[in-house]
């Protein structure tokens, strides 16, 4: 993908979506925007978007909007195994053929409330993470059992976040690449409760999108 070796990239992008909880706007307007972004960044011939998750740091907001909390474990979404499982689950009969070529899973993270001052998405420089730094771990949900990578502490890791991100910015990062699956862990990430933030700070709200990109 057209990202630096660090594993993530911040881009400017204004979305035409008015309501990110409106499934019709997401499946129509937003998915078209995401597809355009990814084709431009990667040069891929095909993009398949398979997941959107809206999150908020405030429990009352989560209850009101029926959305999820920020992820605070240091992790990468996919293991060398679960990236292929995800392909099979989402592409069905086409998965076997597509798995023979190179494909990636790429995440796009956008704030919905300006600016993000607490629980920002925090990214680790992929060049500082080795396979010994991550542990494949089962993840159980009511209707699904998956596998992700949990990270262990390493003082060599280098962490970054973009302060005061706005809804006109998108953080793009790669979570799986069939070309080097098992040799590099991908982009480990988390969100953090920033020390010293005022309790009156507006809660973080965000949407993350996951997509396959295919090169062959």
C-alpha atoms as a PDB file:
ATOM      1  CA  UNK A   1       0.000   0.000   0.000  1.00  0.00           C
ATOM      2  CA  UNK A   2       1.121   3.541  -0.537  1.00  0.00           C
ATOM      3  CA  UNK A   3       1.944   4.056   3.118  1.00  0.00           C
ATOM      4  CA  UNK A   4       5.342   4.770   4.627  1.00  0.00           C
ATOM      5  CA  UNK A   5       7.241   1.924   6.280  1.00  0.00           C
ATOM      6  CA  UNK A   6       6.047   3.215   9.636  1.00  0.00           C
ATOM      7  CA  UNK A   7       2.737   1.495   8.794  1.00  0.00           C
ATOM      8  CA  UNK A   8       0.225   4.321   8.998  1.00  0.00           C
ATOM      9  CA  UNK A   9      -0.644   7.551   7.262  1.00  0.00           C
ATOM     10  CA  UNK A  10      -2.792  10.577   8.086  1.00  0.00           C
ATOM     11  CA  UNK A  11      -4.756  12.019   5.180  1.00  0.00           C
ATOM     12  CA  UNK A  12      -7.133  14.940   4.759  1.00  0.00           C
ATOM     13  CA  UNK A  13     -10.599  14.020   3.562  1.00  0.00           C
ATOM     14  CA  UNK A  14     -13.940  15.765   3.914  1.00  0.00           C
ATOM     15  CA  UNK A  15     -16.873  13.353   3.897  1.00  0.00           C
ATOM     16  CA  UNK A  16     -20.270  14.188   2.446  1.00  0.00           C
ATOM     17  CA  UNK A  17     -21.963  11.948   5.042  1.00  0.00           C
ATOM     18  CA  UNK A  18     -24.282  13.815   7.418  1.00  0.00           C
ATOM     19  CA  UNK A  19     -25.175  10.964   9.786  1.00  0.00           C
ATOM     20  CA  UNK A  20     -22.661   8.189  10.389  1.00  0.00           C
ATOM     21  CA  UNK A  21     -25.330   6.108  12.130  1.00  0.00           C
ATOM     22  CA  UNK A  22     -27.469   6.053   8.979  1.00  0.00           C
ATOM     23  CA  UNK A  23     -26.850   2.704   7.286  1.00  0.00           C
ATOM     24  CA  UNK A  24     -28.015   3.994   3.906  1.00  0.00           C
ATOM     25  CA  UNK A  25     -25.546   6.883   3.970  1.00  0.00           C
ATOM     26  CA  UNK A  26     -22.775   4.530   5.060  1.00  0.00           C
ATOM     27  CA  UNK A  27     -23.461   1.852   2.452  1.00  0.00           C
ATOM     28  CA  UNK A  28     -23.912   4.429  -0.282  1.00  0.00           C
ATOM     29  CA  UNK A  29     -21.988   7.661   0.152  1.00  0.00           C
ATOM     30  CA  UNK A  30     -19.317   6.628   2.655  1.00  0.00           C
ATOM     31  CA  UNK A  31     -18.373   3.318   1.091  1.00  0.00           C
ATOM     32  CA  UNK A  32     -17.910   5.039  -2.263  1.00  0.00           C
ATOM     33  CA  UNK A  33     -15.633   7.585  -0.576  1.00  0.00           C
ATOM     34  CA  UNK A  34     -13.602   4.854   1.140  1.00  0.00           C
ATOM     35  CA  UNK A  35     -13.227   2.891  -2.087  1.00  0.00           C
ATOM     36  CA  UNK A  36     -11.945   5.996  -3.862  1.00  0.00           C
ATOM     37  CA  UNK A  37      -9.471   6.749  -1.061  1.00  0.00           C
ATOM     38  CA  UNK A  38      -8.055   3.226  -1.036  1.00  0.00           C
ATOM     39  CA  UNK A  39      -7.723   2.896  -4.793  1.00  0.00           C
ATOM     40  CA  UNK A  40      -5.909   6.226  -4.890  1.00  0.00           C
ATOM     41  CA  UNK A  41      -3.550   5.311  -2.032  1.00  0.00           C
ATOM     42  CA  UNK A  42      -2.768   1.746  -3.074  1.00  0.00           C
ATOM     43  CA  UNK A  43      -3.310   1.439  -6.807  1.00  0.00           C
ATOM     44  CA  UNK A  44      -5.381  -1.680  -6.094  1.00  0.00           C
ATOM     45  CA  UNK A  45      -7.802  -2.835  -8.754  1.00  0.00           C
ATOM     46  CA  UNK A  46     -10.518  -3.965  -6.371  1.00  0.00           C
ATOM     47  CA  UNK A  47     -11.708  -2.853  -2.939  1.00  0.00           C
ATOM     48  CA  UNK A  48     -14.227  -4.733  -0.805  1.00  0.00           C
ATOM     49  CA  UNK A  49     -15.460  -2.975   2.344  1.00  0.00           C
ATOM     50  CA  UNK A  50     -16.731  -5.398   4.957  1.00  0.00           C
ATOM     51  CA  UNK A  51     -17.021  -3.644   8.318  1.00  0.00           C
ATOM     52  CA  UNK A  52     -17.855  -0.317   9.953  1.00  0.00           C
ATOM     53  CA  UNK A  53     -17.712   0.259  13.718  1.00  0.00           C
ATOM     54  CA  UNK A  54     -18.773   3.448  15.493  1.00  0.00           C
ATOM     55  CA  UNK A  55     -17.326   4.000  18.979  1.00  0.00           C
ATOM     56  CA  UNK A  56     -17.598   6.508  21.817  1.00  0.00           C
ATOM     57  CA  UNK A  57     -15.598   6.944  25.019  1.00  0.00           C
ATOM     58  CA  UNK A  58     -18.603   8.105  27.077  1.00  0.00           C
ATOM     59  CA  UNK A  59     -20.848   5.317  28.467  1.00  0.00           C
ATOM     60  CA  UNK A  60     -23.985   7.459  28.226  1.00  0.00           C
ATOM     61  CA  UNK A  61     -23.305   8.222  24.570  1.00  0.00           C
ATOM     62  CA  UNK A  62     -22.722   4.522  23.902  1.00  0.00           C
ATOM     63  CA  UNK A  63     -26.009   3.610  25.551  1.00  0.00           C
ATOM     64  CA  UNK A  64     -27.928   6.334  23.746  1.00  0.00           C
ATOM     65  CA  UNK A  65     -26.527   5.522  20.300  1.00  0.00           C
ATOM     66  CA  UNK A  66     -26.027   1.775  20.839  1.00  0.00           C
ATOM     67  CA  UNK A  67     -22.384   1.896  19.802  1.00  0.00           C
ATOM     68  CA  UNK A  68     -19.171   0.380  21.133  1.00  0.00           C
ATOM     69  CA  UNK A  69     -16.408   1.537  23.453  1.00  0.00           C
ATOM     70  CA  UNK A  70     -12.835   2.372  22.334  1.00  0.00           C
ATOM     71  CA  UNK A  71     -10.446  -0.583  22.250  1.00  0.00           C
ATOM     72  CA  UNK A  72      -7.771  -0.135  24.921  1.00  0.00           C
ATOM     73  CA  UNK A  73      -5.784  -3.346  24.425  1.00  0.00           C
ATOM     74  CA  UNK A  74      -2.565  -3.061  22.425  1.00  0.00           C
ATOM     75  CA  UNK A  75      -3.309  -5.257  19.444  1.00  0.00           C
ATOM     76  CA  UNK A  76      -3.444  -5.867  15.732  1.00  0.00           C
ATOM     77  CA  UNK A  77      -6.781  -7.000  14.350  1.00  0.00           C
ATOM     78  CA  UNK A  78      -5.534 -10.062  12.456  1.00  0.00           C
ATOM     79  CA  UNK A  79      -3.098 -12.944  12.736  1.00  0.00           C
ATOM     80  CA  UNK A  80      -1.510 -14.688   9.728  1.00  0.00           C
ATOM     81  CA  UNK A  81      -4.336 -17.236  10.049  1.00  0.00           C
ATOM     82  CA  UNK A  82      -7.322 -15.006  10.764  1.00  0.00           C
ATOM     83  CA  UNK A  83      -6.672 -12.706   7.814  1.00  0.00           C
ATOM     84  CA  UNK A  84      -7.444 -15.634   5.503  1.00  0.00           C
ATOM     85  CA  UNK A  85     -10.401 -16.714   7.655  1.00  0.00           C
ATOM     86  CA  UNK A  86     -11.807 -13.199   7.364  1.00  0.00           C
ATOM     87  CA  UNK A  87     -11.429 -13.362   3.584  1.00  0.00           C
ATOM     88  CA  UNK A  88     -13.313 -16.656   3.476  1.00  0.00           C
ATOM     89  CA  UNK A  89     -16.104 -15.352   5.733  1.00  0.00           C
ATOM     90  CA  UNK A  90     -16.666 -12.232   3.678  1.00  0.00           C
ATOM     91  CA  UNK A  91     -15.952 -13.276   0.086  1.00  0.00           C
ATOM     92  CA  UNK A  92     -17.324 -16.818   0.131  1.00  0.00           C
ATOM     93  CA  UNK A  93     -16.931 -18.579  -3.211  1.00  0.00           C
ATOM     94  CA  UNK A  94     -14.427 -15.988  -4.469  1.00  0.00           C
ATOM     95  CA  UNK A  95     -12.129 -16.340  -1.452  1.00  0.00           C
ATOM     96  CA  UNK A  96     -10.093 -19.286  -2.738  1.00  0.00           C
ATOM     97  CA  UNK A  97      -9.280 -17.537  -5.992  1.00  0.00           C
ATOM     98  CA  UNK A  98      -8.541 -14.187  -4.331  1.00  0.00           C
ATOM     99  CA  UNK A  99      -6.286 -15.817  -1.739  1.00  0.00           C
ATOM    100  CA  UNK A 100      -3.916 -16.890  -4.517  1.00  0.00           C
ATOM    101  CA  UNK A 101      -3.054 -13.256  -5.236  1.00  0.00           C
ATOM    102  CA  UNK A 102      -1.835 -10.521  -2.961  1.00  0.00           C
ATOM    103  CA  UNK A 103      -4.407  -8.864  -0.740  1.00  0.00           C
ATOM    104  CA  UNK A 104      -4.360  -6.571   2.271  1.00  0.00           C
ATOM    105  CA  UNK A 105      -6.785  -5.578   4.990  1.00  0.00           C
ATOM    106  CA  UNK A 106      -6.670  -1.838   5.607  1.00  0.00           C
ATOM    107  CA  UNK A 107      -8.367   0.144   8.374  1.00  0.00           C
ATOM    108  CA  UNK A 108      -9.513   3.749   8.117  1.00  0.00           C
ATOM    109  CA  UNK A 109     -10.259   5.650  11.353  1.00  0.00           C
ATOM    110  CA  UNK A 110     -12.155   8.944  11.358  1.00  0.00           C
ATOM    111  CA  UNK A 111     -13.175  11.146  14.323  1.00  0.00           C
ATOM    112  CA  UNK A 112     -16.811  12.223  14.414  1.00  0.00           C
ATOM    113  CA  UNK A 113     -16.498  14.912  17.101  1.00  0.00           C
ATOM    114  CA  UNK A 114     -13.980  17.771  16.757  1.00  0.00           C
ATOM    115  CA  UNK A 115     -11.322  17.716  17.972  1.00  0.00           C
ATOM    116  CA  UNK A 116     -10.301  14.384  19.518  1.00  0.00           C
ATOM    117  CA  UNK A 117      -8.613  15.234  22.817  1.00  0.00           C
ATOM    118  CA  UNK A 118      -9.022  12.003  24.759  1.00  0.00           C
ATOM    119  CA  UNK A 119      -8.830   8.341  23.793  1.00  0.00           C
ATOM    120  CA  UNK A 120      -7.086   9.084  20.478  1.00  0.00           C
ATOM    121  CA  UNK A 121      -5.990   6.198  18.303  1.00  0.00           C
ATOM    122  CA  UNK A 122      -2.339   5.485  19.106  1.00  0.00           C
ATOM    123  CA  UNK A 123      -0.114   3.753  16.553  1.00  0.00           C
ATOM    124  CA  UNK A 124       3.186   1.916  16.920  1.00  0.00           C
ATOM    125  CA  UNK A 125       5.910   2.355  14.325  1.00  0.00           C
ATOM    126  CA  UNK A 126       5.761  -0.975  12.452  1.00  0.00           C
ATOM    127  CA  UNK A 127       9.542  -0.917  12.012  1.00  0.00           C
ATOM    128  CA  UNK A 128       9.971  -1.321  15.780  1.00  0.00           C
ATOM    129  CA  UNK A 129       7.695  -4.368  16.153  1.00  0.00           C
ATOM    130  CA  UNK A 130       8.870  -7.945  15.631  1.00  0.00           C
ATOM    131  CA  UNK A 131       7.031 -11.253  15.550  1.00  0.00           C
ATOM    132  CA  UNK A 132       8.296 -12.020  19.070  1.00  0.00           C
ATOM    133  CA  UNK A 133       6.387  -8.962  20.337  1.00  0.00           C
ATOM    134  CA  UNK A 134       2.910 -10.333  19.577  1.00  0.00           C
ATOM    135  CA  UNK A 135       0.859 -13.309  20.735  1.00  0.00           C
ATOM    136  CA  UNK A 136      -2.021 -14.845  18.726  1.00  0.00           C
ATOM    137  CA  UNK A 137      -5.072 -14.716  20.978  1.00  0.00           C
ATOM    138  CA  UNK A 138      -8.599 -16.040  20.590  1.00  0.00           C
ATOM    139  CA  UNK A 139     -11.328 -13.413  20.569  1.00  0.00           C
ATOM    140  CA  UNK A 140     -14.855 -14.539  21.420  1.00  0.00           C
ATOM    141  CA  UNK A 141     -18.053 -12.696  20.573  1.00  0.00           C
ATOM    142  CA  UNK A 142     -21.660 -13.914  20.910  1.00  0.00           C
ATOM    143  CA  UNK A 143     -21.836 -15.069  17.287  1.00  0.00           C
ATOM    144  CA  UNK A 144     -18.208 -15.329  16.298  1.00  0.00           C
ATOM    145  CA  UNK A 145     -14.843 -16.709  17.394  1.00  0.00           C
ATOM    146  CA  UNK A 146     -11.851 -14.955  15.878  1.00  0.00           C
ATOM    147  CA  UNK A 147      -8.153 -14.445  16.467  1.00  0.00           C
ATOM    148  CA  UNK A 148      -6.080 -11.293  16.880  1.00  0.00           C
ATOM    149  CA  UNK A 149      -2.547 -10.366  17.910  1.00  0.00           C
ATOM    150  CA  UNK A 150      -1.982  -8.977  21.403  1.00  0.00           C
ATOM    151  CA  UNK A 151       1.283  -7.100  21.884  1.00  0.00           C
ATOM    152  CA  UNK A 152       3.789  -7.527  24.694  1.00  0.00           C
ATOM    153  CA  UNK A 153       5.899  -4.712  26.117  1.00  0.00           C
ATOM    154  CA  UNK A 154       9.114  -3.854  24.336  1.00  0.00           C
ATOM    155  CA  UNK A 155      11.035  -0.668  25.183  1.00  0.00           C
ATOM    156  CA  UNK A 156      12.091  -0.455  21.530  1.00  0.00           C
ATOM    157  CA  UNK A 157       8.516   0.226  20.415  1.00  0.00           C
ATOM    158  CA  UNK A 158       7.913   3.778  19.248  1.00  0.00           C
ATOM    159  CA  UNK A 159       4.414   5.153  19.734  1.00  0.00           C
ATOM    160  CA  UNK A 160       2.649   8.093  18.071  1.00  0.00           C
ATOM    161  CA  UNK A 161      -0.710   9.789  17.955  1.00  0.00           C
ATOM    162  CA  UNK A 162      -2.077  12.812  16.134  1.00  0.00           C
ATOM    163  CA  UNK A 163      -3.367  15.352  18.630  1.00  0.00           C
ATOM    164  CA  UNK A 164      -6.629  17.208  18.025  1.00  0.00           C
ATOM    165  CA  UNK A 165      -7.655  15.164  15.006  1.00  0.00           C
ATOM    166  CA  UNK A 166     -10.780  16.420  13.261  1.00  0.00           C
ATOM    167  CA  UNK A 167     -13.535  14.792  11.243  1.00  0.00           C
ATOM    168  CA  UNK A 168     -11.793  15.994   8.076  1.00  0.00           C
ATOM    169  CA  UNK A 169      -8.807  13.743   8.815  1.00  0.00           C
ATOM    170  CA  UNK A 170      -8.518   9.981   8.408  1.00  0.00           C
ATOM    171  CA  UNK A 171      -5.859   7.677   9.835  1.00  0.00           C
ATOM    172  CA  UNK A 172      -5.142   4.839   7.407  1.00  0.00           C
ATOM    173  CA  UNK A 173      -3.223   1.736   8.484  1.00  0.00           C
ATOM    174  CA  UNK A 174      -2.596  -1.816   7.317  1.00  0.00           C
ATOM    175  CA  UNK A 175      -3.630  -4.708   9.561  1.00  0.00           C
ATOM    176  CA  UNK A 176      -2.914  -7.642   7.220  1.00  0.00           C
ATOM    177  CA  UNK A 177      -0.828  -8.274   4.125  1.00  0.00           C
ATOM    178  CA  UNK A 178      -0.747 -11.702   2.499  1.00  0.00           C
ATOM    179  CA  UNK A 179       2.651 -10.880   1.009  1.00  0.00           C
ATOM    180  CA  UNK A 180       4.367 -10.913   4.415  1.00  0.00           C
ATOM    181  CA  UNK A 181       1.853 -12.679   6.687  1.00  0.00           C
ATOM    182  CA  UNK A 182       3.744 -14.306   9.545  1.00  0.00           C
ATOM    183  CA  UNK A 183       6.904 -12.283   8.958  1.00  0.00           C
ATOM    184  CA  UNK A 184       5.722  -8.903  10.237  1.00  0.00           C
ATOM    185  CA  UNK A 185       2.946  -8.268  12.793  1.00  0.00           C
ATOM    186  CA  UNK A 186       1.341  -5.331  10.993  1.00  0.00           C
ATOM    187  CA  UNK A 187       0.215  -2.143  12.709  1.00  0.00           C
ATOM    188  CA  UNK A 188      -0.327  -2.630  16.434  1.00  0.00           C
ATOM    189  CA  UNK A 189      -2.485   0.069  17.954  1.00  0.00           C
ATOM    190  CA  UNK A 190      -4.673   1.055  20.897  1.00  0.00           C
ATOM    191  CA  UNK A 191      -6.422   4.063  22.414  1.00  0.00           C
ATOM    192  CA  UNK A 192      -5.382   5.816  25.614  1.00  0.00           C
ATOM    193  CA  UNK A 193      -6.908   7.921  28.362  1.00  0.00           C
ATOM    194  CA  UNK A 194      -4.667  10.984  27.995  1.00  0.00           C
ATOM    195  CA  UNK A 195      -3.369  12.205  31.388  1.00  0.00           C
ATOM    196  CA  UNK A 196      -4.426  15.668  32.498  1.00  0.00           C
ATOM    197  CA  UNK A 197      -7.464  15.967  30.247  1.00  0.00           C
ATOM    198  CA  UNK A 198     -10.313  18.004  31.747  1.00  0.00           C
ATOM    199  CA  UNK A 199     -13.400  15.981  32.736  1.00  0.00           C
ATOM    200  CA  UNK A 200     -15.398  18.492  30.679  1.00  0.00           C
ATOM    201  CA  UNK A 201     -13.626  17.414  27.490  1.00  0.00           C
ATOM    202  CA  UNK A 202     -16.154  16.158  24.910  1.00  0.00           C
ATOM    203  CA  UNK A 203     -16.053  12.366  24.591  1.00  0.00           C
ATOM    204  CA  UNK A 204     -14.376  10.818  21.612  1.00  0.00           C
ATOM    205  CA  UNK A 205     -16.646   9.504  18.898  1.00  0.00           C
ATOM    206  CA  UNK A 206     -15.241   7.802  15.822  1.00  0.00           C
ATOM    207  CA  UNK A 207     -15.943   5.438  12.962  1.00  0.00           C
ATOM    208  CA  UNK A 208     -13.514   2.809  11.738  1.00  0.00           C
ATOM    209  CA  UNK A 209     -13.829   0.979   8.452  1.00  0.00           C
ATOM    210  CA  UNK A 210     -12.138  -2.243   7.366  1.00  0.00           C
ATOM    211  CA  UNK A 211     -11.629  -3.191   3.755  1.00  0.00           C
ATOM    212  CA  UNK A 212      -9.881  -5.741   1.585  1.00  0.00           C
ATOM    213  CA  UNK A 213      -7.753  -4.433  -1.249  1.00  0.00           C
ATOM    214  CA  UNK A 214      -6.751  -6.774  -4.067  1.00  0.00           C
ATOM    215  CA  UNK A 215      -3.813  -6.344  -6.426  1.00  0.00           C
ATOM    216  CA  UNK A 216      -4.118  -9.285  -8.828  1.00  0.00           C
END
